[in-house]
């Protein structure tokens, strides 16, 4: 009933060429804080009646329980079944970043995150005994900006930070960007507007220069 009410409300909004909706979007903190938040103004300017709730959370929030309307994941989803729709909207490229005078040592991840591709890349480079270990990319970025070493970051994040430069090191593997939603969200104009905006973003940093 709640979903049907939202559809009816949004249909009324479309009748006057305006979307009136609240959309809850979740992604890992480094993407909500460093990539989505600085860009979302263009979406809101196009749809003044739209409100987007950015939920910075590394956990897989439950779309069926409406913990979020849309979720960005950095791997092909393996849960959710027929109730969750998923589409690949890009590839997130990674690079090695640090300050110009940073020591040639890695900012690594906590052992509990060893399964993540950036952590695996650092381990393959011999960085398991690094002087600094973190639990998220936001902290890795700040540690790198403080001159503590080299961090593996999404290029869309690292190349946009004026404190950092791209380090000429082995290239970390890219990660797939997937957009998830619940099947009941189909037809909701607000959700569709946010999903289309997300699909149009430059996740692979093709438009960035300065060596990215």
N, C-alpha and C. Protein backbone atom coordinates (compact mmCIF):
# COMPACT_ATOMS: atom_id res chain seq x y z
N UNK A 1 0.82 -1.20 0.00
CA UNK A 1 0.00 0.00 0.00
C UNK A 1 0.86 1.26 0.00
N UNK A 2 1.97 1.20 0.75
CA UNK A 2 2.85 2.37 0.80
C UNK A 2 3.43 2.66 -0.57
N UNK A 3 3.85 1.59 -1.28
CA UNK A 3 4.42 1.79 -2.61
C UNK A 3 3.39 2.34 -3.57
N UNK A 4 2.16 1.82 -3.51
CA UNK A 4 1.12 2.30 -4.40
C UNK A 4 0.79 3.76 -4.12
N UNK A 5 0.84 4.14 -2.85
CA UNK A 5 0.59 5.53 -2.51
C UNK A 5 1.67 6.43 -3.08
N UNK A 6 2.92 5.96 -3.01
CA UNK A 6 4.02 6.73 -3.56
C UNK A 6 3.88 6.87 -5.07
N UNK A 7 3.45 5.80 -5.76
CA UNK A 7 3.27 5.86 -7.20
C UNK A 7 2.18 6.86 -7.57
N UNK A 8 1.10 6.83 -6.80
CA UNK A 8 0.01 7.77 -7.08
C UNK A 8 0.46 9.21 -6.86
N UNK A 9 1.24 9.42 -5.80
CA UNK A 9 1.74 10.76 -5.49
C UNK A 9 2.69 11.24 -6.59
N UNK A 10 3.55 10.35 -7.07
CA UNK A 10 4.49 10.74 -8.10
C UNK A 10 3.78 10.93 -9.44
N UNK A 11 2.72 10.17 -9.70
CA UNK A 11 1.96 10.38 -10.94
C UNK A 11 1.34 11.76 -10.96
N UNK A 12 0.87 12.20 -9.80
CA UNK A 12 0.35 13.55 -9.70
C UNK A 12 1.45 14.57 -9.96
N UNK A 13 2.66 14.29 -9.44
CA UNK A 13 3.79 15.18 -9.68
C UNK A 13 4.14 15.26 -11.15
N UNK A 14 4.07 14.12 -11.86
CA UNK A 14 4.40 14.11 -13.27
C UNK A 14 3.38 14.88 -14.08
N UNK A 15 2.12 14.91 -13.60
CA UNK A 15 1.08 15.60 -14.34
C UNK A 15 1.34 17.10 -14.42
N UNK A 16 2.12 17.61 -13.50
CA UNK A 16 2.47 19.03 -13.53
C UNK A 16 3.97 19.19 -13.82
N UNK A 17 4.54 18.15 -14.50
CA UNK A 17 5.93 18.17 -14.93
C UNK A 17 6.89 18.39 -13.77
N UNK A 18 6.62 17.79 -12.63
CA UNK A 18 7.48 17.97 -11.47
C UNK A 18 7.47 16.68 -10.66
N UNK A 19 8.64 16.23 -10.27
CA UNK A 19 8.76 15.03 -9.43
C UNK A 19 8.78 15.46 -7.97
N UNK A 20 7.86 14.93 -7.20
CA UNK A 20 7.82 15.16 -5.75
C UNK A 20 8.07 13.81 -5.09
N UNK A 21 9.27 13.60 -4.58
CA UNK A 21 9.60 12.28 -4.03
C UNK A 21 10.79 12.38 -3.09
N UNK A 22 10.88 11.38 -2.22
CA UNK A 22 12.04 11.19 -1.34
C UNK A 22 12.67 9.85 -1.72
N UNK A 23 13.95 9.87 -2.05
CA UNK A 23 14.65 8.65 -2.46
C UNK A 23 15.85 8.46 -1.54
N UNK A 24 15.93 7.28 -0.97
CA UNK A 24 17.01 6.94 -0.03
C UNK A 24 18.05 6.12 -0.78
N UNK A 25 19.27 6.66 -0.86
CA UNK A 25 20.35 6.05 -1.63
C UNK A 25 21.51 5.70 -0.71
N UNK A 26 21.98 4.47 -0.79
CA UNK A 26 23.10 4.06 0.06
C UNK A 26 24.29 3.64 -0.79
N UNK A 27 25.48 3.93 -0.27
CA UNK A 27 26.74 3.52 -0.89
C UNK A 27 27.82 3.57 0.19
N UNK A 28 28.99 3.05 -0.13
CA UNK A 28 30.09 3.11 0.84
C UNK A 28 30.45 4.57 1.08
N UNK A 29 30.94 4.90 2.28
CA UNK A 29 31.17 6.31 2.64
C UNK A 29 32.05 7.08 1.67
N UNK A 30 33.11 6.48 1.13
CA UNK A 30 34.00 7.23 0.26
C UNK A 30 33.26 7.73 -0.98
N UNK A 31 32.26 6.98 -1.44
CA UNK A 31 31.50 7.41 -2.61
C UNK A 31 30.43 8.44 -2.26
N UNK A 32 29.72 8.25 -1.14
CA UNK A 32 28.72 9.25 -0.77
C UNK A 32 29.38 10.58 -0.43
N UNK A 33 30.49 10.52 0.31
CA UNK A 33 31.12 11.74 0.81
C UNK A 33 31.93 12.47 -0.26
N UNK A 34 32.71 11.71 -1.03
CA UNK A 34 33.70 12.32 -1.91
C UNK A 34 33.25 12.42 -3.36
N UNK A 35 32.25 11.64 -3.76
CA UNK A 35 31.87 11.62 -5.17
C UNK A 35 30.41 12.03 -5.40
N UNK A 36 29.48 11.43 -4.68
CA UNK A 36 28.07 11.72 -4.93
C UNK A 36 27.64 13.07 -4.38
N UNK A 37 27.98 13.35 -3.13
CA UNK A 37 27.54 14.61 -2.51
C UNK A 37 28.00 15.84 -3.29
N UNK A 38 29.25 15.90 -3.77
CA UNK A 38 29.66 17.09 -4.52
C UNK A 38 28.97 17.25 -5.87
N UNK A 39 28.34 16.20 -6.40
CA UNK A 39 27.74 16.24 -7.73
C UNK A 39 26.23 16.26 -7.74
N UNK A 40 25.62 15.95 -6.63
CA UNK A 40 24.18 15.74 -6.63
C UNK A 40 23.38 17.02 -6.84
N UNK A 41 24.03 18.17 -6.72
CA UNK A 41 23.34 19.44 -6.94
C UNK A 41 22.74 19.56 -8.32
N UNK A 42 23.39 18.96 -9.34
CA UNK A 42 22.85 19.03 -10.69
C UNK A 42 21.52 18.28 -10.80
N UNK A 43 21.44 17.14 -10.11
CA UNK A 43 20.20 16.35 -10.10
C UNK A 43 19.09 17.12 -9.39
N UNK A 44 19.40 17.72 -8.25
CA UNK A 44 18.39 18.44 -7.49
C UNK A 44 17.95 19.71 -8.20
N UNK A 45 18.86 20.32 -8.95
CA UNK A 45 18.48 21.51 -9.72
C UNK A 45 17.50 21.15 -10.82
N UNK A 46 17.67 19.96 -11.40
CA UNK A 46 16.76 19.52 -12.46
C UNK A 46 15.41 19.09 -11.91
N UNK A 47 15.39 18.66 -10.64
CA UNK A 47 14.15 18.19 -10.02
C UNK A 47 14.00 18.84 -8.65
N UNK A 48 13.52 20.07 -8.60
CA UNK A 48 13.44 20.80 -7.32
C UNK A 48 12.56 20.13 -6.27
N UNK A 49 11.66 19.29 -6.69
CA UNK A 49 10.79 18.61 -5.73
C UNK A 49 11.34 17.29 -5.22
N UNK A 50 12.54 16.96 -5.64
CA UNK A 50 13.16 15.70 -5.25
C UNK A 50 14.04 15.88 -4.03
N UNK A 51 13.93 14.96 -3.10
CA UNK A 51 14.83 14.93 -1.93
C UNK A 51 15.56 13.60 -1.93
N UNK A 52 16.88 13.66 -1.85
CA UNK A 52 17.70 12.45 -1.83
C UNK A 52 18.36 12.32 -0.47
N UNK A 53 18.15 11.18 0.16
CA UNK A 53 18.79 10.89 1.43
C UNK A 53 20.01 10.01 1.16
N UNK A 54 21.20 10.56 1.37
CA UNK A 54 22.44 9.82 1.15
C UNK A 54 22.81 9.07 2.43
N UNK A 55 22.88 7.77 2.34
CA UNK A 55 23.20 6.93 3.49
C UNK A 55 24.59 6.34 3.30
N UNK A 56 25.55 6.86 4.03
CA UNK A 56 26.93 6.37 3.94
C UNK A 56 27.08 5.14 4.82
N UNK A 57 27.15 3.97 4.23
CA UNK A 57 27.19 2.74 5.02
C UNK A 57 27.85 1.64 4.19
N UNK A 58 28.84 1.00 4.77
CA UNK A 58 29.53 -0.09 4.08
C UNK A 58 28.74 -1.40 4.15
N UNK A 59 27.72 -1.44 5.00
CA UNK A 59 26.91 -2.66 5.12
C UNK A 59 25.94 -2.77 3.94
N UNK A 60 25.49 -3.98 3.66
CA UNK A 60 24.47 -4.19 2.64
C UNK A 60 23.10 -3.96 3.25
N UNK A 61 22.58 -2.75 3.12
CA UNK A 61 21.27 -2.45 3.68
C UNK A 61 20.20 -3.25 2.93
N UNK A 62 19.12 -3.59 3.65
CA UNK A 62 18.08 -4.46 3.12
C UNK A 62 17.07 -3.65 2.32
N UNK A 63 17.04 -3.88 1.00
CA UNK A 63 16.09 -3.16 0.15
C UNK A 63 14.68 -3.66 0.37
N UNK A 64 14.52 -4.94 0.68
CA UNK A 64 13.19 -5.49 0.92
C UNK A 64 12.54 -4.86 2.14
N UNK A 65 13.33 -4.56 3.17
CA UNK A 65 12.82 -3.92 4.38
C UNK A 65 12.80 -2.40 4.25
N UNK A 66 13.09 -1.89 3.06
CA UNK A 66 13.08 -0.45 2.76
C UNK A 66 14.10 0.34 3.59
N UNK A 67 15.22 -0.31 3.90
CA UNK A 67 16.31 0.45 4.53
C UNK A 67 16.91 1.42 3.52
N UNK A 68 16.70 1.16 2.25
CA UNK A 68 17.13 2.06 1.18
C UNK A 68 16.28 1.78 -0.04
N UNK A 69 16.14 2.79 -0.90
CA UNK A 69 15.43 2.61 -2.17
C UNK A 69 16.39 2.17 -3.27
N UNK A 70 17.59 2.70 -3.24
CA UNK A 70 18.63 2.35 -4.21
C UNK A 70 19.93 2.08 -3.47
N UNK A 71 20.70 1.15 -3.98
CA UNK A 71 21.98 0.82 -3.35
C UNK A 71 23.05 0.67 -4.42
N UNK A 72 24.20 1.25 -4.17
CA UNK A 72 25.36 1.08 -5.05
C UNK A 72 26.28 0.06 -4.42
N UNK A 73 26.63 -0.96 -5.19
CA UNK A 73 27.52 -2.00 -4.72
C UNK A 73 28.71 -2.13 -5.66
N UNK A 74 29.85 -2.51 -5.12
CA UNK A 74 31.08 -2.60 -5.91
C UNK A 74 31.43 -4.03 -6.28
N UNK A 75 30.40 -4.84 -6.48
CA UNK A 75 30.56 -6.21 -6.95
C UNK A 75 29.19 -6.71 -7.39
N UNK A 76 29.18 -7.71 -8.23
CA UNK A 76 27.91 -8.30 -8.66
C UNK A 76 27.16 -8.83 -7.44
N UNK A 77 25.89 -8.47 -7.25
CA UNK A 77 25.15 -8.92 -6.06
C UNK A 77 24.92 -10.42 -6.08
N UNK A 78 24.99 -11.02 -4.90
CA UNK A 78 24.77 -12.46 -4.77
C UNK A 78 23.57 -12.78 -3.91
N UNK A 79 22.88 -11.75 -3.41
CA UNK A 79 21.72 -11.97 -2.55
C UNK A 79 20.58 -11.10 -3.04
N UNK A 80 19.39 -11.37 -2.51
CA UNK A 80 18.22 -10.58 -2.86
C UNK A 80 17.22 -11.32 -3.71
N UNK A 81 17.70 -12.26 -4.53
CA UNK A 81 16.81 -13.06 -5.33
C UNK A 81 15.99 -12.26 -6.32
N UNK A 82 14.79 -12.76 -6.60
CA UNK A 82 13.94 -12.14 -7.60
C UNK A 82 13.35 -10.82 -7.14
N UNK A 83 13.47 -10.50 -5.85
CA UNK A 83 12.90 -9.26 -5.33
C UNK A 83 13.79 -8.05 -5.57
N UNK A 84 15.03 -8.29 -5.98
CA UNK A 84 15.98 -7.20 -6.18
C UNK A 84 16.44 -7.19 -7.63
N UNK A 85 16.34 -6.04 -8.26
CA UNK A 85 16.86 -5.88 -9.61
C UNK A 85 18.24 -5.23 -9.53
N UNK A 86 19.11 -5.61 -10.44
CA UNK A 86 20.47 -5.09 -10.42
C UNK A 86 20.93 -4.84 -11.85
N UNK A 87 21.64 -3.73 -12.03
CA UNK A 87 22.25 -3.47 -13.33
C UNK A 87 23.63 -2.86 -13.12
N UNK A 88 24.52 -3.25 -13.99
CA UNK A 88 25.88 -2.72 -13.92
C UNK A 88 25.90 -1.35 -14.59
N UNK A 89 26.36 -0.34 -13.88
CA UNK A 89 26.33 1.02 -14.42
C UNK A 89 27.72 1.58 -14.68
N UNK A 90 28.75 0.78 -14.47
CA UNK A 90 30.09 1.28 -14.76
C UNK A 90 31.17 0.45 -14.11
N UNK A 91 32.39 0.94 -14.24
CA UNK A 91 33.55 0.32 -13.62
C UNK A 91 34.29 1.39 -12.84
N UNK A 92 34.60 1.12 -11.60
CA UNK A 92 35.31 2.06 -10.75
C UNK A 92 36.80 1.77 -10.85
N UNK A 93 37.54 2.68 -11.48
CA UNK A 93 38.98 2.49 -11.62
C UNK A 93 39.70 2.99 -10.37
N UNK A 94 40.82 2.37 -10.08
CA UNK A 94 41.61 2.70 -8.90
C UNK A 94 43.01 3.13 -9.30
N UNK A 95 43.64 3.89 -8.42
CA UNK A 95 45.02 4.30 -8.62
C UNK A 95 45.72 4.38 -7.28
N UNK A 96 47.01 4.61 -7.32
CA UNK A 96 47.81 4.77 -6.11
C UNK A 96 48.09 6.27 -5.95
N UNK A 97 47.79 6.80 -4.77
CA UNK A 97 47.91 8.24 -4.53
C UNK A 97 48.69 8.52 -3.25
N UNK A 98 49.38 9.64 -3.25
CA UNK A 98 50.10 10.10 -2.06
C UNK A 98 50.54 11.53 -2.27
N UNK A 99 51.15 12.11 -1.29
CA UNK A 99 51.72 13.45 -1.45
C UNK A 99 53.03 13.34 -2.22
N UNK A 100 53.48 14.45 -2.84
CA UNK A 100 54.72 14.38 -3.63
C UNK A 100 55.93 13.87 -2.85
N UNK A 101 55.96 14.13 -1.55
CA UNK A 101 57.11 13.71 -0.74
C UNK A 101 56.79 12.53 0.17
N UNK A 102 55.73 11.80 -0.15
CA UNK A 102 55.34 10.67 0.70
C UNK A 102 56.38 9.56 0.66
N UNK A 103 56.62 8.89 1.80
CA UNK A 103 57.53 7.73 1.79
C UNK A 103 56.95 6.60 0.96
N UNK A 104 57.78 5.80 0.37
CA UNK A 104 57.36 4.70 -0.49
C UNK A 104 56.92 3.51 0.36
N UNK A 105 55.84 3.68 1.06
CA UNK A 105 55.26 2.61 1.87
C UNK A 105 53.73 2.69 1.75
N UNK A 106 53.09 1.58 2.00
CA UNK A 106 51.66 1.48 1.76
C UNK A 106 50.85 1.83 3.00
N UNK A 107 49.70 2.41 2.78
CA UNK A 107 48.67 2.54 3.81
C UNK A 107 47.74 1.36 3.57
N UNK A 108 47.79 0.39 4.46
CA UNK A 108 47.09 -0.88 4.22
C UNK A 108 45.75 -0.91 4.94
N UNK A 109 45.05 -2.04 4.80
CA UNK A 109 43.74 -2.21 5.42
C UNK A 109 43.82 -3.21 6.58
N UNK A 110 42.88 -3.03 7.49
CA UNK A 110 42.78 -3.96 8.62
C UNK A 110 42.62 -5.39 8.10
N UNK A 111 43.19 -6.38 8.79
CA UNK A 111 43.09 -7.77 8.32
C UNK A 111 41.67 -8.25 8.08
N UNK A 112 40.70 -7.68 8.79
CA UNK A 112 39.31 -8.10 8.59
C UNK A 112 38.79 -7.73 7.21
N UNK A 113 39.51 -6.85 6.51
CA UNK A 113 39.09 -6.41 5.18
C UNK A 113 40.00 -6.97 4.08
N UNK A 114 40.71 -8.03 4.40
CA UNK A 114 41.66 -8.61 3.46
C UNK A 114 40.99 -9.13 2.19
N UNK A 115 39.68 -9.37 2.25
CA UNK A 115 38.95 -9.89 1.08
C UNK A 115 38.69 -8.82 0.03
N UNK A 116 38.84 -7.54 0.37
CA UNK A 116 38.56 -6.47 -0.58
C UNK A 116 39.67 -6.39 -1.62
N UNK A 117 39.32 -6.13 -2.89
CA UNK A 117 40.35 -6.05 -3.94
C UNK A 117 41.47 -5.05 -3.65
N UNK A 118 41.20 -3.82 -3.14
CA UNK A 118 42.33 -2.93 -2.84
C UNK A 118 43.28 -3.50 -1.81
N UNK A 119 42.72 -4.19 -0.80
CA UNK A 119 43.57 -4.80 0.22
C UNK A 119 44.41 -5.92 -0.37
N UNK A 120 43.80 -6.71 -1.26
CA UNK A 120 44.54 -7.78 -1.91
C UNK A 120 45.65 -7.25 -2.79
N UNK A 121 45.39 -6.14 -3.46
CA UNK A 121 46.42 -5.53 -4.30
C UNK A 121 47.60 -5.06 -3.45
N UNK A 122 47.30 -4.40 -2.33
CA UNK A 122 48.37 -3.92 -1.45
C UNK A 122 49.18 -5.09 -0.91
N UNK A 123 48.50 -6.16 -0.51
CA UNK A 123 49.21 -7.34 -0.01
C UNK A 123 50.13 -7.92 -1.08
N UNK A 124 49.67 -7.91 -2.34
CA UNK A 124 50.49 -8.44 -3.43
C UNK A 124 51.72 -7.58 -3.69
N UNK A 125 51.64 -6.32 -3.28
CA UNK A 125 52.78 -5.42 -3.44
C UNK A 125 53.70 -5.44 -2.22
N UNK A 126 53.39 -6.31 -1.25
CA UNK A 126 54.21 -6.41 -0.05
C UNK A 126 53.88 -5.40 1.01
N UNK A 127 52.62 -4.94 1.03
CA UNK A 127 52.26 -3.89 1.98
C UNK A 127 51.54 -4.36 3.23
N UNK A 128 51.59 -5.64 3.55
CA UNK A 128 50.86 -6.14 4.71
C UNK A 128 51.44 -5.65 6.03
N UNK A 129 52.71 -5.26 6.03
CA UNK A 129 53.34 -4.80 7.27
C UNK A 129 53.50 -3.28 7.27
N UNK A 130 52.58 -2.58 6.59
CA UNK A 130 52.66 -1.13 6.50
C UNK A 130 52.52 -0.49 7.87
N UNK A 131 53.04 0.72 8.00
CA UNK A 131 53.04 1.41 9.29
C UNK A 131 51.64 1.86 9.70
N UNK A 132 50.76 2.04 8.71
CA UNK A 132 49.39 2.51 8.99
C UNK A 132 48.41 1.56 8.34
N UNK A 133 47.39 1.14 9.11
CA UNK A 133 46.31 0.30 8.59
C UNK A 133 44.99 1.00 8.90
N UNK A 134 44.05 0.93 7.97
CA UNK A 134 42.77 1.64 8.12
C UNK A 134 41.62 0.66 7.88
N UNK A 135 40.42 1.15 8.13
CA UNK A 135 39.24 0.32 7.93
C UNK A 135 38.30 0.87 6.87
N UNK A 136 38.65 2.01 6.26
CA UNK A 136 37.84 2.50 5.15
C UNK A 136 38.67 3.44 4.28
N UNK A 137 38.18 3.67 3.06
CA UNK A 137 38.93 4.47 2.10
C UNK A 137 39.00 5.94 2.49
N UNK A 138 37.99 6.45 3.18
CA UNK A 138 38.04 7.83 3.64
C UNK A 138 39.27 8.06 4.52
N UNK A 139 39.49 7.15 5.45
CA UNK A 139 40.64 7.27 6.35
C UNK A 139 41.94 7.08 5.58
N UNK A 140 41.94 6.17 4.62
CA UNK A 140 43.13 5.97 3.80
C UNK A 140 43.48 7.26 3.05
N UNK A 141 42.47 7.94 2.54
CA UNK A 141 42.72 9.19 1.83
C UNK A 141 43.33 10.25 2.75
N UNK A 142 42.79 10.38 3.95
CA UNK A 142 43.32 11.38 4.88
C UNK A 142 44.73 11.03 5.33
N UNK A 143 45.00 9.74 5.52
CA UNK A 143 46.34 9.32 5.91
C UNK A 143 47.33 9.62 4.79
N UNK A 144 46.92 9.40 3.55
CA UNK A 144 47.79 9.71 2.42
C UNK A 144 48.02 11.21 2.33
N UNK A 145 46.98 12.01 2.53
CA UNK A 145 47.12 13.46 2.47
C UNK A 145 48.01 13.99 3.58
N UNK A 146 48.10 13.25 4.67
CA UNK A 146 48.99 13.64 5.77
C UNK A 146 50.44 13.25 5.52
N UNK A 147 50.69 12.62 4.36
CA UNK A 147 52.06 12.26 4.01
C UNK A 147 52.55 10.97 4.63
N UNK A 148 51.62 10.10 5.05
CA UNK A 148 52.02 8.88 5.74
C UNK A 148 52.39 7.74 4.80
N UNK A 149 52.06 7.87 3.53
CA UNK A 149 52.38 6.80 2.59
C UNK A 149 51.47 6.83 1.39
N UNK A 150 51.38 5.68 0.70
CA UNK A 150 50.60 5.55 -0.52
C UNK A 150 49.27 4.86 -0.21
N UNK A 151 48.19 5.39 -0.80
CA UNK A 151 46.87 4.81 -0.61
C UNK A 151 46.28 4.38 -1.95
N UNK A 152 45.55 3.29 -1.94
CA UNK A 152 44.81 2.85 -3.12
C UNK A 152 43.42 3.45 -3.02
N UNK A 153 43.08 4.31 -3.98
CA UNK A 153 41.81 5.04 -3.95
C UNK A 153 41.14 4.99 -5.32
N UNK A 154 39.79 5.13 -5.35
CA UNK A 154 39.14 5.32 -6.64
C UNK A 154 39.73 6.56 -7.32
N UNK A 155 39.98 6.48 -8.61
CA UNK A 155 40.56 7.62 -9.31
C UNK A 155 39.64 8.84 -9.24
N UNK A 156 38.32 8.63 -9.26
CA UNK A 156 37.38 9.75 -9.17
C UNK A 156 37.51 10.48 -7.84
N UNK A 157 38.10 9.83 -6.86
CA UNK A 157 38.31 10.44 -5.54
C UNK A 157 39.73 11.00 -5.42
N UNK A 158 40.70 10.16 -5.69
CA UNK A 158 42.09 10.58 -5.51
C UNK A 158 42.51 11.71 -6.44
N UNK A 159 42.09 11.65 -7.70
CA UNK A 159 42.49 12.67 -8.67
C UNK A 159 41.82 14.01 -8.40
N UNK A 160 40.72 13.99 -7.65
CA UNK A 160 40.02 15.23 -7.33
C UNK A 160 40.56 15.91 -6.08
N UNK A 161 41.47 15.26 -5.38
CA UNK A 161 42.03 15.81 -4.15
C UNK A 161 43.31 16.57 -4.47
N UNK A 162 43.31 17.90 -4.33
CA UNK A 162 44.51 18.67 -4.70
C UNK A 162 45.72 18.39 -3.82
N UNK A 163 45.52 17.69 -2.72
CA UNK A 163 46.63 17.38 -1.83
C UNK A 163 47.44 16.19 -2.32
N UNK A 164 46.87 15.44 -3.28
CA UNK A 164 47.46 14.17 -3.69
C UNK A 164 47.91 14.20 -5.14
N UNK A 165 48.87 13.32 -5.45
CA UNK A 165 49.31 13.11 -6.82
C UNK A 165 49.22 11.61 -7.11
N UNK A 166 49.11 11.28 -8.39
CA UNK A 166 49.09 9.87 -8.80
C UNK A 166 50.51 9.33 -8.74
N UNK A 167 50.68 8.21 -8.09
CA UNK A 167 51.99 7.57 -7.95
C UNK A 167 52.18 6.58 -9.10
N UNK A 168 53.36 6.60 -9.70
CA UNK A 168 53.66 5.67 -10.78
C UNK A 168 53.96 4.30 -10.19
N UNK A 169 52.92 3.55 -9.96
CA UNK A 169 53.08 2.20 -9.40
C UNK A 169 52.19 1.25 -10.20
N UNK A 170 52.20 -0.01 -9.86
CA UNK A 170 51.34 -0.97 -10.54
C UNK A 170 49.88 -0.52 -10.43
N UNK A 171 49.09 -0.81 -11.46
CA UNK A 171 47.71 -0.35 -11.50
C UNK A 171 46.79 -1.31 -10.74
N UNK A 172 46.08 -0.84 -9.74
CA UNK A 172 45.14 -1.72 -9.02
C UNK A 172 43.99 -2.13 -9.93
N UNK A 173 43.36 -3.26 -9.65
CA UNK A 173 42.24 -3.71 -10.48
C UNK A 173 41.01 -2.83 -10.29
N UNK A 174 40.23 -2.69 -11.35
CA UNK A 174 38.97 -1.95 -11.28
C UNK A 174 37.91 -2.81 -10.60
N UNK A 175 36.84 -2.16 -10.15
CA UNK A 175 35.72 -2.87 -9.54
C UNK A 175 34.43 -2.50 -10.28
N UNK A 176 33.55 -3.46 -10.43
CA UNK A 176 32.28 -3.21 -11.09
C UNK A 176 31.37 -2.38 -10.18
N UNK A 177 30.62 -1.47 -10.78
CA UNK A 177 29.65 -0.67 -10.05
C UNK A 177 28.25 -1.16 -10.41
N UNK A 178 27.51 -1.62 -9.41
CA UNK A 178 26.17 -2.16 -9.62
C UNK A 178 25.15 -1.30 -8.88
N UNK A 179 24.01 -1.09 -9.52
CA UNK A 179 22.90 -0.34 -8.92
C UNK A 179 21.77 -1.31 -8.63
N UNK A 180 21.37 -1.36 -7.36
CA UNK A 180 20.32 -2.28 -6.92
C UNK A 180 19.07 -1.52 -6.50
N UNK A 181 17.92 -2.12 -6.79
CA UNK A 181 16.65 -1.58 -6.32
C UNK A 181 15.68 -2.73 -6.11
N UNK A 182 14.60 -2.46 -5.38
CA UNK A 182 13.58 -3.48 -5.16
C UNK A 182 12.62 -3.48 -6.33
N UNK A 183 12.10 -4.64 -6.69
CA UNK A 183 11.21 -4.73 -7.85
C UNK A 183 9.97 -3.84 -7.70
N UNK A 184 9.55 -3.61 -6.47
CA UNK A 184 8.36 -2.79 -6.25
C UNK A 184 8.60 -1.32 -6.56
N UNK A 185 9.87 -0.93 -6.74
CA UNK A 185 10.21 0.46 -7.04
C UNK A 185 10.00 0.80 -8.51
N UNK A 186 9.79 -0.20 -9.34
CA UNK A 186 9.61 0.05 -10.76
C UNK A 186 8.40 0.95 -11.00
N UNK A 187 8.60 2.00 -11.75
CA UNK A 187 7.51 2.92 -12.04
C UNK A 187 7.50 4.15 -11.17
N UNK A 188 8.35 4.19 -10.15
CA UNK A 188 8.44 5.37 -9.30
C UNK A 188 9.34 6.40 -9.98
N UNK A 189 8.79 7.56 -10.26
CA UNK A 189 9.52 8.56 -11.03
C UNK A 189 10.76 9.06 -10.29
N UNK A 190 10.65 9.23 -8.97
CA UNK A 190 11.80 9.72 -8.21
C UNK A 190 12.95 8.74 -8.24
N UNK A 191 12.65 7.47 -8.03
CA UNK A 191 13.68 6.43 -8.07
C UNK A 191 14.30 6.36 -9.46
N UNK A 192 13.48 6.45 -10.49
CA UNK A 192 13.97 6.39 -11.86
C UNK A 192 14.89 7.57 -12.17
N UNK A 193 14.54 8.75 -11.66
CA UNK A 193 15.36 9.95 -11.92
C UNK A 193 16.73 9.81 -11.28
N UNK A 194 16.77 9.32 -10.05
CA UNK A 194 18.05 9.13 -9.36
C UNK A 194 18.86 8.03 -10.04
N UNK A 195 18.20 6.94 -10.42
CA UNK A 195 18.90 5.83 -11.08
C UNK A 195 19.50 6.28 -12.41
N UNK A 196 18.77 7.07 -13.18
CA UNK A 196 19.29 7.55 -14.46
C UNK A 196 20.49 8.47 -14.25
N UNK A 197 20.41 9.30 -13.22
CA UNK A 197 21.53 10.19 -12.90
C UNK A 197 22.78 9.39 -12.53
N UNK A 198 22.61 8.37 -11.70
CA UNK A 198 23.73 7.54 -11.29
C UNK A 198 24.35 6.82 -12.48
N UNK A 199 23.51 6.32 -13.38
CA UNK A 199 24.00 5.59 -14.55
C UNK A 199 24.78 6.50 -15.49
N UNK A 200 24.52 7.80 -15.43
CA UNK A 200 25.21 8.73 -16.31
C UNK A 200 26.49 9.30 -15.76
N UNK A 201 26.86 8.96 -14.53
CA UNK A 201 28.08 9.49 -13.92
C UNK A 201 29.32 8.81 -14.50
N UNK A 202 30.43 9.52 -14.44
CA UNK A 202 31.70 9.04 -14.97
C UNK A 202 32.45 8.26 -13.89
N UNK A 203 32.08 7.03 -13.67
CA UNK A 203 32.69 6.21 -12.61
C UNK A 203 34.14 5.86 -12.92
N UNK A 204 34.48 5.73 -14.18
CA UNK A 204 35.84 5.29 -14.53
C UNK A 204 36.80 6.45 -14.73
N UNK A 205 36.35 7.67 -14.46
CA UNK A 205 37.20 8.86 -14.53
C UNK A 205 37.72 9.11 -15.94
N UNK A 206 36.95 8.76 -16.96
CA UNK A 206 37.38 8.99 -18.34
C UNK A 206 37.57 10.48 -18.62
N UNK A 207 36.76 11.32 -17.94
CA UNK A 207 36.81 12.75 -18.23
C UNK A 207 37.89 13.47 -17.44
N UNK A 208 38.57 12.75 -16.56
CA UNK A 208 39.62 13.38 -15.77
C UNK A 208 40.94 13.35 -16.52
N UNK A 209 41.69 14.42 -16.36
CA UNK A 209 43.02 14.46 -16.97
C UNK A 209 44.04 14.41 -15.86
N UNK A 210 45.04 15.21 -15.90
CA UNK A 210 46.10 15.28 -14.88
C UNK A 210 46.64 13.91 -14.52
N UNK A 211 46.82 13.07 -15.55
CA UNK A 211 47.47 11.77 -15.32
C UNK A 211 46.55 10.70 -14.78
N UNK A 212 45.23 11.00 -14.61
CA UNK A 212 44.33 9.99 -14.10
C UNK A 212 43.91 9.02 -15.19
